[in-house]
């Protein structure tokens, strides 16, 4: 499965010159989402870690699922807006 086929590209969003990658099209397809999680898990097996951390919304979607599948604690990180 080519996961790139499930990611929508939106030209000039939110401003001209930016190509926004919309992952909602990947997340809403249960097979593509499952494959994404499976690939993350497979790639992570070569590392030794005890916790999973992610920053903000997109990271939370994937990391929380991987955390559950691997039975590892999940740490949410937030960007400071100072």
PDB file of N, CA and C in Angstrom:
ATOM      1  N   UNK A   1       0.847  -1.178   0.000  1.00  0.00           N
ATOM      2  CA  UNK A   1       0.000   0.000   0.000  1.00  0.00           C
ATOM      3  C   UNK A   1       0.892   1.241   0.000  1.00  0.00           C
ATOM      4  N   UNK A   2       0.635   2.144  -0.907  1.00  0.00           N
ATOM      5  CA  UNK A   2       1.372   3.399  -0.960  1.00  0.00           C
ATOM      6  C   UNK A   2       0.612   4.445  -0.154  1.00  0.00           C
ATOM      7  N   UNK A   3       1.121   4.754   1.029  1.00  0.00           N
ATOM      8  CA  UNK A   3       0.424   5.685   1.916  1.00  0.00           C
ATOM      9  C   UNK A   3       0.349   7.103   1.361  1.00  0.00           C
ATOM     10  N   UNK A   4       1.252   7.445   0.469  1.00  0.00           N
ATOM     11  CA  UNK A   4       1.202   8.773  -0.156  1.00  0.00           C
ATOM     12  C   UNK A   4      -0.104   8.979  -0.927  1.00  0.00           C
ATOM     13  N   UNK A   5      -0.692   7.891  -1.391  1.00  0.00           N
ATOM     14  CA  UNK A   5      -1.963   7.985  -2.116  1.00  0.00           C
ATOM     15  C   UNK A   5      -3.109   8.441  -1.215  1.00  0.00           C
ATOM     16  N   UNK A   6      -2.917   8.358   0.091  1.00  0.00           N
ATOM     17  CA  UNK A   6      -3.965   8.704   1.047  1.00  0.00           C
ATOM     18  C   UNK A   6      -3.742  10.061   1.705  1.00  0.00           C
ATOM     19  N   UNK A   7      -2.717  10.783   1.273  1.00  0.00           N
ATOM     20  CA  UNK A   7      -2.423  12.103   1.822  1.00  0.00           C
ATOM     21  C   UNK A   7      -2.738  13.143   0.750  1.00  0.00           C
ATOM     22  N   UNK A   8      -3.656  14.028   1.098  1.00  0.00           N
ATOM     23  CA  UNK A   8      -4.091  15.058   0.153  1.00  0.00           C
ATOM     24  C   UNK A   8      -3.140  16.250   0.219  1.00  0.00           C
ATOM     25  N   UNK A   9      -2.775  16.780  -0.928  1.00  0.00           N
ATOM     26  CA  UNK A   9      -1.923  17.968  -1.000  1.00  0.00           C
ATOM     27  C   UNK A   9      -2.779  19.170  -1.377  1.00  0.00           C
ATOM     28  N   UNK A  10      -2.646  20.232  -0.603  1.00  0.00           N
ATOM     29  CA  UNK A  10      -3.409  21.451  -0.863  1.00  0.00           C
ATOM     30  C   UNK A  10      -2.414  22.572  -1.143  1.00  0.00           C
ATOM     31  N   UNK A  11      -2.398  22.995  -2.381  1.00  0.00           N
ATOM     32  CA  UNK A  11      -1.456  24.015  -2.836  1.00  0.00           C
ATOM     33  C   UNK A  11      -1.844  25.390  -2.289  1.00  0.00           C
ATOM     34  N   UNK A  12      -0.826  26.153  -1.919  1.00  0.00           N
ATOM     35  CA  UNK A  12      -0.991  27.533  -1.446  1.00  0.00           C
ATOM     36  C   UNK A  12      -1.876  27.653  -0.210  1.00  0.00           C
ATOM     37  N   UNK A  13      -1.757  26.675   0.698  1.00  0.00           N
ATOM     38  CA  UNK A  13      -2.504  26.762   1.956  1.00  0.00           C
ATOM     39  C   UNK A  13      -1.547  26.582   3.117  1.00  0.00           C
ATOM     40  N   UNK A  14      -1.587  27.417   4.111  1.00  0.00           N
ATOM     41  CA  UNK A  14      -2.521  28.513   4.374  1.00  0.00           C
ATOM     42  C   UNK A  14      -2.158  29.809   3.669  1.00  0.00           C
ATOM     43  N   UNK A  15      -1.001  29.825   2.993  1.00  0.00           N
ATOM     44  CA  UNK A  15      -0.673  31.007   2.203  1.00  0.00           C
ATOM     45  C   UNK A  15       0.109  30.582   0.965  1.00  0.00           C
ATOM     46  N   UNK A  16       0.196  31.466   0.025  1.00  0.00           N
ATOM     47  CA  UNK A  16       0.839  31.183  -1.256  1.00  0.00           C
ATOM     48  C   UNK A  16       2.269  30.662  -1.053  1.00  0.00           C
ATOM     49  N   UNK A  17       2.596  29.633  -1.801  1.00  0.00           N
ATOM     50  CA  UNK A  17       3.932  29.056  -1.758  1.00  0.00           C
ATOM     51  C   UNK A  17       4.072  27.864  -0.825  1.00  0.00           C
ATOM     52  N   UNK A  18       3.021  27.566  -0.067  1.00  0.00           N
ATOM     53  CA  UNK A  18       3.067  26.438   0.857  1.00  0.00           C
ATOM     54  C   UNK A  18       2.225  25.295   0.306  1.00  0.00           C
ATOM     55  N   UNK A  19       2.772  24.090   0.364  1.00  0.00           N
ATOM     56  CA  UNK A  19       2.028  22.894  -0.023  1.00  0.00           C
ATOM     57  C   UNK A  19       1.673  22.152   1.263  1.00  0.00           C
ATOM     58  N   UNK A  20       0.423  22.242   1.664  1.00  0.00           N
ATOM     59  CA  UNK A  20      -0.056  21.644   2.908  1.00  0.00           C
ATOM     60  C   UNK A  20      -0.392  20.184   2.672  1.00  0.00           C
ATOM     61  N   UNK A  21       0.095  19.316   3.564  1.00  0.00           N
ATOM     62  CA  UNK A  21      -0.199  17.882   3.479  1.00  0.00           C
ATOM     63  C   UNK A  21      -1.306  17.558   4.483  1.00  0.00           C
ATOM     64  N   UNK A  22      -2.454  17.211   3.972  1.00  0.00           N
ATOM     65  CA  UNK A  22      -3.629  16.922   4.786  1.00  0.00           C
ATOM     66  C   UNK A  22      -3.709  15.428   5.068  1.00  0.00           C
ATOM     67  N   UNK A  23      -3.531  15.056   6.343  1.00  0.00           N
ATOM     68  CA  UNK A  23      -3.543  13.636   6.701  1.00  0.00           C
ATOM     69  C   UNK A  23      -4.932  13.139   7.092  1.00  0.00           C
ATOM     70  N   UNK A  24      -5.930  14.010   7.107  1.00  0.00           N
ATOM     71  CA  UNK A  24      -7.271  13.540   7.470  1.00  0.00           C
ATOM     72  C   UNK A  24      -7.758  12.493   6.481  1.00  0.00           C
ATOM     73  N   UNK A  25      -7.332  12.570   5.254  1.00  0.00           N
ATOM     74  CA  UNK A  25      -7.724  11.574   4.249  1.00  0.00           C
ATOM     75  C   UNK A  25      -7.073  10.218   4.532  1.00  0.00           C
ATOM     76  N   UNK A  26      -5.917  10.217   5.173  1.00  0.00           N
ATOM     77  CA  UNK A  26      -5.261   8.971   5.566  1.00  0.00           C
ATOM     78  C   UNK A  26      -5.928   8.402   6.815  1.00  0.00           C
ATOM     79  N   UNK A  27      -6.200   9.252   7.767  1.00  0.00           N
ATOM     80  CA  UNK A  27      -6.783   8.805   9.037  1.00  0.00           C
ATOM     81  C   UNK A  27      -8.186   8.238   8.855  1.00  0.00           C
ATOM     82  N   UNK A  28      -8.948   8.808   7.938  1.00  0.00           N
ATOM     83  CA  UNK A  28     -10.334   8.343   7.784  1.00  0.00           C
ATOM     84  C   UNK A  28     -10.444   6.998   7.060  1.00  0.00           C
ATOM     85  N   UNK A  29      -9.374   6.547   6.437  1.00  0.00           N
ATOM     86  CA  UNK A  29      -9.367   5.229   5.798  1.00  0.00           C
ATOM     87  C   UNK A  29      -8.770   4.222   6.776  1.00  0.00           C
ATOM     88  N   UNK A  30      -9.587   3.307   7.282  1.00  0.00           N
ATOM     89  CA  UNK A  30      -9.125   2.402   8.338  1.00  0.00           C
ATOM     90  C   UNK A  30      -7.941   1.538   7.920  1.00  0.00           C
ATOM     91  N   UNK A  31      -7.875   1.135   6.667  1.00  0.00           N
ATOM     92  CA  UNK A  31      -6.755   0.307   6.207  1.00  0.00           C
ATOM     93  C   UNK A  31      -5.464   1.114   6.103  1.00  0.00           C
ATOM     94  N   UNK A  32      -5.561   2.327   5.593  1.00  0.00           N
ATOM     95  CA  UNK A  32      -4.378   3.191   5.474  1.00  0.00           C
ATOM     96  C   UNK A  32      -3.876   3.593   6.856  1.00  0.00           C
ATOM     97  N   UNK A  33      -4.796   3.905   7.754  1.00  0.00           N
ATOM     98  CA  UNK A  33      -4.400   4.271   9.108  1.00  0.00           C
ATOM     99  C   UNK A  33      -3.721   3.094   9.812  1.00  0.00           C
ATOM    100  N   UNK A  34      -4.304   1.901   9.697  1.00  0.00           N
ATOM    101  CA  UNK A  34      -3.712   0.709  10.303  1.00  0.00           C
ATOM    102  C   UNK A  34      -2.324   0.431   9.721  1.00  0.00           C
ATOM    103  N   UNK A  35      -2.179   0.586   8.426  1.00  0.00           N
ATOM    104  CA  UNK A  35      -0.880   0.363   7.784  1.00  0.00           C
ATOM    105  C   UNK A  35       0.147   1.386   8.274  1.00  0.00           C
ATOM    106  N   UNK A  36      -0.275   2.609   8.460  1.00  0.00           N
ATOM    107  CA  UNK A  36       0.620   3.641   8.978  1.00  0.00           C
ATOM    108  C   UNK A  36       1.131   3.259  10.356  1.00  0.00           C
ATOM    109  N   UNK A  37       0.219   2.861  11.228  1.00  0.00           N
ATOM    110  CA  UNK A  37       0.597   2.454  12.583  1.00  0.00           C
ATOM    111  C   UNK A  37       1.510   1.235  12.533  1.00  0.00           C
ATOM    112  N   UNK A  38       1.188   0.266  11.704  1.00  0.00           N
ATOM    113  CA  UNK A  38       2.025  -0.931  11.579  1.00  0.00           C
ATOM    114  C   UNK A  38       3.438  -0.594  11.108  1.00  0.00           C
ATOM    115  N   UNK A  39       3.549   0.349  10.183  1.00  0.00           N
ATOM    116  CA  UNK A  39       4.872   0.749   9.700  1.00  0.00           C
ATOM    117  C   UNK A  39       5.669   1.468  10.786  1.00  0.00           C
ATOM    118  N   UNK A  40       5.011   2.318  11.548  1.00  0.00           N
ATOM    119  CA  UNK A  40       5.696   3.009  12.647  1.00  0.00           C
ATOM    120  C   UNK A  40       6.192   1.988  13.662  1.00  0.00           C
ATOM    121  N   UNK A  41       5.344   1.034  14.018  1.00  0.00           N
ATOM    122  CA  UNK A  41       5.729   0.001  14.978  1.00  0.00           C
ATOM    123  C   UNK A  41       6.896  -0.818  14.457  1.00  0.00           C
ATOM    124  N   UNK A  42       6.835  -1.230  13.214  1.00  0.00           N
ATOM    125  CA  UNK A  42       7.912  -2.031  12.617  1.00  0.00           C
ATOM    126  C   UNK A  42       9.238  -1.273  12.634  1.00  0.00           C
ATOM    127  N   UNK A  43       9.206  -0.001  12.269  1.00  0.00           N
ATOM    128  CA  UNK A  43      10.441   0.792  12.232  1.00  0.00           C
ATOM    129  C   UNK A  43      10.976   1.082  13.631  1.00  0.00           C
ATOM    130  N   UNK A  44      10.093   1.179  14.600  1.00  0.00           N
ATOM    131  CA  UNK A  44      10.524   1.521  15.962  1.00  0.00           C
ATOM    132  C   UNK A  44      11.169   0.347  16.687  1.00  0.00           C
ATOM    133  N   UNK A  45      10.965  -0.863  16.205  1.00  0.00           N
ATOM    134  CA  UNK A  45      11.476  -2.049  16.901  1.00  0.00           C
ATOM    135  C   UNK A  45      13.001  -2.110  16.948  1.00  0.00           C
ATOM    136  N   UNK A  46      13.679  -1.355  16.105  1.00  0.00           N
ATOM    137  CA  UNK A  46      15.146  -1.373  16.137  1.00  0.00           C
ATOM    138  C   UNK A  46      15.718  -0.441  17.215  1.00  0.00           C
ATOM    139  N   UNK A  47      14.844   0.291  17.907  1.00  0.00           N
ATOM    140  CA  UNK A  47      15.268   1.202  18.964  1.00  0.00           C
ATOM    141  C   UNK A  47      14.829   0.682  20.329  1.00  0.00           C
ATOM    142  N   UNK A  48      15.620   1.005  21.322  1.00  0.00           N
ATOM    143  CA  UNK A  48      15.276   0.633  22.692  1.00  0.00           C
ATOM    144  C   UNK A  48      14.694   1.887  23.360  1.00  0.00           C
ATOM    145  N   UNK A  49      13.439   1.827  23.770  1.00  0.00           N
ATOM    146  CA  UNK A  49      12.798   2.977  24.405  1.00  0.00           C
ATOM    147  C   UNK A  49      11.774   2.498  25.427  1.00  0.00           C
ATOM    148  N   UNK A  50      11.475   3.374  26.353  1.00  0.00           N
ATOM    149  CA  UNK A  50      10.541   3.017  27.422  1.00  0.00           C
ATOM    150  C   UNK A  50       9.261   3.842  27.390  1.00  0.00           C
ATOM    151  N   UNK A  51       9.278   4.950  26.666  1.00  0.00           N
ATOM    152  CA  UNK A  51       8.115   5.837  26.585  1.00  0.00           C
ATOM    153  C   UNK A  51       7.978   6.373  25.168  1.00  0.00           C
ATOM    154  N   UNK A  52       6.787   6.854  24.858  1.00  0.00           N
ATOM    155  CA  UNK A  52       6.536   7.471  23.560  1.00  0.00           C
ATOM    156  C   UNK A  52       6.024   8.886  23.813  1.00  0.00           C
ATOM    157  N   UNK A  53       6.620   9.864  23.149  1.00  0.00           N
ATOM    158  CA  UNK A  53       6.206  11.254  23.293  1.00  0.00           C
ATOM    159  C   UNK A  53       5.883  11.833  21.928  1.00  0.00           C
ATOM    160  N   UNK A  54       4.942  12.758  21.913  1.00  0.00           N
ATOM    161  CA  UNK A  54       4.574  13.418  20.659  1.00  0.00           C
ATOM    162  C   UNK A  54       4.150  14.844  20.948  1.00  0.00           C
ATOM    163  N   UNK A  55       4.302  15.676  19.931  1.00  0.00           N
ATOM    164  CA  UNK A  55       3.923  17.077  20.065  1.00  0.00           C
ATOM    165  C   UNK A  55       2.665  17.374  19.253  1.00  0.00           C
ATOM    166  N   UNK A  56       1.726  17.981  19.905  1.00  0.00           N
ATOM    167  CA  UNK A  56       0.504  18.539  19.327  1.00  0.00           C
ATOM    168  C   UNK A  56      -0.295  17.554  18.468  1.00  0.00           C
ATOM    169  N   UNK A  57      -1.326  18.025  17.881  1.00  0.00           N
ATOM    170  CA  UNK A  57      -2.434  17.229  17.344  1.00  0.00           C
ATOM    171  C   UNK A  57      -2.058  16.051  16.439  1.00  0.00           C
ATOM    172  N   UNK A  58      -1.327  16.262  15.391  1.00  0.00           N
ATOM    173  CA  UNK A  58      -0.998  15.145  14.489  1.00  0.00           C
ATOM    174  C   UNK A  58      -0.182  14.087  15.194  1.00  0.00           C
ATOM    175  N   UNK A  59       0.775  14.521  15.965  1.00  0.00           N
ATOM    176  CA  UNK A  59       1.594  13.574  16.708  1.00  0.00           C
ATOM    177  C   UNK A  59       0.783  12.765  17.693  1.00  0.00           C
ATOM    178  N   UNK A  60      -0.205  13.403  18.323  1.00  0.00           N
ATOM    179  CA  UNK A  60      -1.047  12.704  19.294  1.00  0.00           C
ATOM    180  C   UNK A  60      -1.819  11.566  18.639  1.00  0.00           C
ATOM    181  N   UNK A  61      -2.313  11.799  17.442  1.00  0.00           N
ATOM    182  CA  UNK A  61      -3.115  10.797  16.731  1.00  0.00           C
ATOM    183  C   UNK A  61      -2.318   9.509  16.555  1.00  0.00           C
ATOM    184  N   UNK A  62      -1.092   9.638  16.078  1.00  0.00           N
ATOM    185  CA  UNK A  62      -0.287   8.461  15.783  1.00  0.00           C
ATOM    186  C   UNK A  62       0.401   7.898  17.026  1.00  0.00           C
ATOM    187  N   UNK A  63       1.003   8.750  17.825  1.00  0.00           N
ATOM    188  CA  UNK A  63       1.779   8.275  18.971  1.00  0.00           C
ATOM    189  C   UNK A  63       0.908   7.601  20.027  1.00  0.00           C
ATOM    190  N   UNK A  64      -0.287   8.107  20.236  1.00  0.00           N
ATOM    191  CA  UNK A  64      -1.156   7.474  21.238  1.00  0.00           C
ATOM    192  C   UNK A  64      -1.540   6.062  20.805  1.00  0.00           C
ATOM    193  N   UNK A  65      -1.770   5.880  19.528  1.00  0.00           N
ATOM    194  CA  UNK A  65      -2.120   4.563  18.999  1.00  0.00           C
ATOM    195  C   UNK A  65      -0.933   3.601  19.090  1.00  0.00           C
ATOM    196  N   UNK A  66       0.237   4.087  18.727  1.00  0.00           N
ATOM    197  CA  UNK A  66       1.452   3.269  18.820  1.00  0.00           C
ATOM    198  C   UNK A  66       1.742   2.939  20.286  1.00  0.00           C
ATOM    199  N   UNK A  67       1.564   3.908  21.154  1.00  0.00           N
ATOM    200  CA  UNK A  67       1.762   3.693  22.580  1.00  0.00           C
ATOM    201  C   UNK A  67       0.862   2.573  23.095  1.00  0.00           C
ATOM    202  N   UNK A  68      -0.374   2.603  22.704  1.00  0.00           N
ATOM    203  CA  UNK A  68      -1.322   1.562  23.103  1.00  0.00           C
ATOM    204  C   UNK A  68      -0.891   0.192  22.569  1.00  0.00           C
ATOM    205  N   UNK A  69      -0.533   0.146  21.291  1.00  0.00           N
ATOM    206  CA  UNK A  69      -0.160  -1.125  20.662  1.00  0.00           C
ATOM    207  C   UNK A  69       1.099  -1.725  21.282  1.00  0.00           C
ATOM    208  N   UNK A  70       2.039  -0.875  21.680  1.00  0.00           N
ATOM    209  CA  UNK A  70       3.294  -1.352  22.249  1.00  0.00           C
ATOM    210  C   UNK A  70       3.282  -1.405  23.776  1.00  0.00           C
ATOM    211  N   UNK A  71       2.170  -1.006  24.357  1.00  0.00           N
ATOM    212  CA  UNK A  71       2.027  -1.006  25.817  1.00  0.00           C
ATOM    213  C   UNK A  71       3.127  -0.180  26.487  1.00  0.00           C
ATOM    214  N   UNK A  72       3.327   1.045  25.957  1.00  0.00           N
ATOM    215  CA  UNK A  72       4.311   1.988  26.488  1.00  0.00           C
ATOM    216  C   UNK A  72       3.587   3.250  26.940  1.00  0.00           C
ATOM    217  N   UNK A  73       4.092   3.921  27.976  1.00  0.00           N
ATOM    218  CA  UNK A  73       3.484   5.175  28.409  1.00  0.00           C
ATOM    219  C   UNK A  73       3.557   6.231  27.308  1.00  0.00           C
ATOM    220  N   UNK A  74       2.529   7.065  27.251  1.00  0.00           N
ATOM    221  CA  UNK A  74       2.456   8.134  26.245  1.00  0.00           C
ATOM    222  C   UNK A  74       2.566   9.483  26.936  1.00  0.00           C
ATOM    223  N   UNK A  75       3.470  10.307  26.443  1.00  0.00           N
ATOM    224  CA  UNK A  75       3.709  11.643  27.001  1.00  0.00           C
ATOM    225  C   UNK A  75       3.311  12.676  25.962  1.00  0.00           C
ATOM    226  N   UNK A  76       2.403  13.568  26.357  1.00  0.00           N
ATOM    227  CA  UNK A  76       2.000  14.648  25.449  1.00  0.00           C
ATOM    228  C   UNK A  76       2.912  15.850  25.655  1.00  0.00           C
ATOM    229  N   UNK A  77       3.386  16.404  24.568  1.00  0.00           N
ATOM    230  CA  UNK A  77       4.230  17.589  24.595  1.00  0.00           C
ATOM    231  C   UNK A  77       3.483  18.737  23.933  1.00  0.00           C
ATOM    232  N   UNK A  78       3.604  19.909  24.500  1.00  0.00           N
ATOM    233  CA  UNK A  78       2.931  21.073  23.951  1.00  0.00           C
ATOM    234  C   UNK A  78       3.950  22.150  23.660  1.00  0.00           C
ATOM    235  N   UNK A  79       3.764  22.822  22.550  1.00  0.00           N
ATOM    236  CA  UNK A  79       4.665  23.909  22.173  1.00  0.00           C
ATOM    237  C   UNK A  79       4.288  25.152  22.962  1.00  0.00           C
ATOM    238  N   UNK A  80       5.294  25.787  23.535  1.00  0.00           N
ATOM    239  CA  UNK A  80       5.066  27.012  24.280  1.00  0.00           C
ATOM    240  C   UNK A  80       4.789  28.151  23.311  1.00  0.00           C
ATOM    241  N   UNK A  81       3.795  28.936  23.594  1.00  0.00           N
ATOM    242  CA  UNK A  81       3.437  30.067  22.717  1.00  0.00           C
ATOM    243  C   UNK A  81       3.702  31.376  23.442  1.00  0.00           C
ATOM    244  N   UNK A  82       4.982  31.676  23.608  1.00  0.00           N
ATOM    245  CA  UNK A  82       5.360  32.880  24.337  1.00  0.00           C
ATOM    246  C   UNK A  82       5.682  34.013  23.405  1.00  0.00           C
TER     247      UNK A  82
END
